[in-house]
Amino acid sequence: MRLRKVSAEHEAIIFKLGKKYGKGNSFSEQVVSVYLTEVEFNVMAAMPGTVAKKSLTRQSTAGLLCHRQRVNST
């Protein structure tokens, strides 16, 4: 399961809890997302687990995205 806080400049922050079930075939993957309130997110974020921080940044006018990820054990 993955707890996510999604934010973008000039947009509202979205809190999600998601689960991927793996690829059933080469064309699709079952995914479930539950939208959370900020309070629900904070309660779940306080639980033990591994923290991964990822940021997306535009690198060119062609619209390419660069993924950066840092993982910390807690």
Protein backbone atom coordinates (compact mmCIF):
# COMPACT_ATOMS: atom_id res chain seq x y z
CA MET A 1 0.00 0.00 0.00
CA ARG A 2 1.13 3.53 -0.66
CA LEU A 3 0.14 6.68 1.20
CA ARG A 4 0.52 9.75 -1.00
CA LYS A 5 0.38 13.50 -0.65
CA VAL A 6 0.10 15.01 -4.12
CA SER A 7 0.78 18.70 -4.52
CA ALA A 8 1.37 20.97 -7.46
CA GLU A 9 1.95 24.68 -7.70
CA HIS A 10 -1.36 26.62 -7.64
CA GLU A 11 -3.43 23.46 -7.02
CA ALA A 12 -5.09 21.93 -3.95
CA ILE A 13 -3.21 19.18 -2.08
CA ILE A 14 -4.68 15.68 -2.59
CA PHE A 15 -4.25 12.86 -0.05
CA LYS A 16 -4.53 9.24 -1.29
CA LEU A 17 -4.12 5.68 -0.10
CA GLY A 18 -3.45 3.31 -2.98
CA LYS A 19 -2.89 -0.37 -3.65
CA LYS A 20 -1.62 -2.03 -6.83
CA TYR A 21 -2.59 -5.66 -7.33
CA GLY A 22 -0.03 -6.49 -10.02
CA LYS A 23 -0.46 -6.98 -13.71
CA GLY A 24 -3.21 -9.41 -14.58
CA ASN A 25 -1.96 -9.38 -18.16
CA SER A 26 0.40 -7.31 -20.29
CA PHE A 27 -2.26 -4.67 -20.97
CA SER A 28 -3.68 -3.73 -17.58
CA GLU A 29 -3.07 -3.55 -13.85
CA GLN A 30 -5.71 -3.40 -11.12
CA VAL A 31 -5.32 -0.35 -8.88
CA VAL A 32 -7.47 0.94 -6.02
CA SER A 33 -7.20 4.53 -4.74
CA VAL A 34 -9.01 5.94 -1.72
CA TYR A 35 -9.07 9.70 -1.24
CA LEU A 36 -8.40 10.83 2.33
CA THR A 37 -8.91 13.95 4.39
CA GLU A 38 -5.82 15.68 5.74
CA VAL A 39 -6.63 14.37 9.24
CA GLU A 40 -6.89 10.77 7.97
CA PHE A 41 -3.62 11.20 6.05
CA ASN A 42 -1.80 12.53 9.15
CA VAL A 43 -3.02 9.62 11.30
CA MET A 44 -1.79 7.08 8.74
CA ALA A 45 1.48 8.96 8.14
CA ALA A 46 2.29 8.64 11.86
CA MET A 47 2.30 4.83 11.57
CA PRO A 48 5.63 3.01 11.13
CA GLY A 49 6.78 2.35 7.59
CA THR A 50 9.26 3.26 4.87
CA VAL A 51 9.19 6.82 3.57
CA ALA A 52 9.85 7.57 -0.10
CA LYS A 53 9.85 11.14 -1.37
CA LYS A 54 9.51 11.73 -5.08
CA SER A 55 9.46 15.00 -6.94
CA LEU A 56 8.61 15.61 -10.57
CA THR A 57 10.16 18.53 -12.38
CA ARG A 58 9.90 19.69 -15.99
CA GLN A 59 13.32 19.61 -17.64
CA SER A 60 12.50 21.14 -21.03
CA THR A 61 9.82 22.82 -23.06
CA ALA A 62 9.13 19.41 -24.64
CA GLY A 63 7.31 18.52 -21.42
CA LEU A 64 9.67 15.77 -20.29
CA LEU A 65 9.48 14.91 -16.59
CA CYS A 66 12.37 13.95 -14.33
CA HIS A 67 11.63 11.64 -11.37
CA ARG A 68 13.70 12.01 -8.21
CA GLN A 69 13.18 9.62 -5.34
CA ARG A 70 14.69 9.42 -1.85
CA VAL A 71 13.88 6.53 0.47
CA ASN A 72 14.30 6.72 4.25
CA SER A 73 13.58 3.86 6.65
CA THR A 74 11.55 4.77 9.72
